Amino acid sequence: MSLSSHLVELKRKHEHLSTEVEHAQRAPGSSDQEIALLKKQKLKIKEEISRLSA
């Protein structure tokens, strides 16, 4: 997998997690722990994108 395609895939995953976080925050049954886990995953991907883009 080339670097550019890897970055595209990471950005896609980041966007997907953003959507999941938004849905979880709106859903009454979502726990704070679940939302925090999604946000941590999203942050790790963002950091990886930044590291690879530098």
C-alpha atoms as a PDB file:
ATOM      1  CA  MET A   1       0.000   0.000   0.000  1.00  0.00           C
ATOM      2  CA  SER A   2       1.422   3.367  -0.961  1.00  0.00           C
ATOM      3  CA  LEU A   3       1.690   6.210   1.517  1.00  0.00           C
ATOM      4  CA  SER A   4      -0.959   8.275  -0.228  1.00  0.00           C
ATOM      5  CA  SER A   5      -3.474   5.423  -0.294  1.00  0.00           C
ATOM      6  CA  HIS A   6      -2.718   4.706   3.368  1.00  0.00           C
ATOM      7  CA  LEU A   7      -3.391   8.357   4.225  1.00  0.00           C
ATOM      8  CA  VAL A   8      -6.652   8.262   2.285  1.00  0.00           C
ATOM      9  CA  GLU A   9      -7.725   5.160   4.218  1.00  0.00           C
ATOM     10  CA  LEU A  10      -6.789   6.755   7.554  1.00  0.00           C
ATOM     11  CA  LYS A  11      -8.758   9.890   6.666  1.00  0.00           C
ATOM     12  CA  ARG A  12     -11.742   7.730   5.736  1.00  0.00           C
ATOM     13  CA  LYS A  13     -11.544   5.918   9.078  1.00  0.00           C
ATOM     14  CA  HIS A  14     -11.231   9.253  10.907  1.00  0.00           C
ATOM     15  CA  GLU A  15     -14.349  10.577   9.177  1.00  0.00           C
ATOM     16  CA  HIS A  16     -16.230   7.368   9.975  1.00  0.00           C
ATOM     17  CA  LEU A  17     -15.277   7.658  13.652  1.00  0.00           C
ATOM     18  CA  SER A  18     -16.419  11.297  13.658  1.00  0.00           C
ATOM     19  CA  THR A  19     -19.823  10.144  12.471  1.00  0.00           C
ATOM     20  CA  GLU A  20     -19.919   7.383  15.082  1.00  0.00           C
ATOM     21  CA  VAL A  21     -19.047   9.853  17.856  1.00  0.00           C
ATOM     22  CA  GLU A  22     -21.826  12.201  16.728  1.00  0.00           C
ATOM     23  CA  HIS A  23     -24.371   9.373  16.687  1.00  0.00           C
ATOM     24  CA  ALA A  24     -23.231   8.063  20.048  1.00  0.00           C
ATOM     25  CA  GLN A  25     -23.500  11.508  21.616  1.00  0.00           C
ATOM     26  CA  ARG A  26     -27.083  11.834  20.366  1.00  0.00           C
ATOM     27  CA  ALA A  27     -28.148   8.320  21.363  1.00  0.00           C
ATOM     28  CA  PRO A  28     -29.617   8.144  24.861  1.00  0.00           C
ATOM     29  CA  GLY A  29     -28.229   4.641  25.463  1.00  0.00           C
ATOM     30  CA  SER A  30     -24.578   5.483  24.767  1.00  0.00           C
ATOM     31  CA  SER A  31     -22.231   5.498  27.725  1.00  0.00           C
ATOM     32  CA  ASP A  32     -19.597   8.133  28.345  1.00  0.00           C
ATOM     33  CA  GLN A  33     -17.026   5.341  28.326  1.00  0.00           C
ATOM     34  CA  GLU A  34     -18.060   4.256  24.814  1.00  0.00           C
ATOM     35  CA  ILE A  35     -17.859   7.818  23.531  1.00  0.00           C
ATOM     36  CA  ALA A  36     -14.442   8.323  25.155  1.00  0.00           C
ATOM     37  CA  LEU A  37     -13.150   5.151  23.503  1.00  0.00           C
ATOM     38  CA  LEU A  38     -14.328   6.322  20.080  1.00  0.00           C
ATOM     39  CA  LYS A  39     -12.697   9.705  20.635  1.00  0.00           C
ATOM     40  CA  LYS A  40      -9.400   8.068  21.636  1.00  0.00           C
ATOM     41  CA  GLN A  41      -9.444   5.957  18.476  1.00  0.00           C
ATOM     42  CA  LYS A  42     -10.175   9.058  16.434  1.00  0.00           C
ATOM     43  CA  LEU A  43      -7.298  10.951  18.081  1.00  0.00           C
ATOM     44  CA  LYS A  44      -4.843   8.104  17.432  1.00  0.00           C
ATOM     45  CA  ILE A  45      -5.777   8.106  13.760  1.00  0.00           C
ATOM     46  CA  LYS A  46      -5.438  11.906  13.599  1.00  0.00           C
ATOM     47  CA  GLU A  47      -1.983  11.686  15.154  1.00  0.00           C
ATOM     48  CA  GLU A  48      -0.978   8.986  12.663  1.00  0.00           C
ATOM     49  CA  ILE A  49      -2.207  11.148   9.772  1.00  0.00           C
ATOM     50  CA  SER A  50      -0.198  14.103  11.081  1.00  0.00           C
ATOM     51  CA  ARG A  51       2.907  11.983  11.577  1.00  0.00           C
ATOM     52  CA  LEU A  52       2.749  10.515   8.065  1.00  0.00           C
ATOM     53  CA  SER A  53       1.984  13.889   6.470  1.00  0.00           C
ATOM     54  CA  ALA A  54       5.009  15.591   8.048  1.00  0.00           C
END
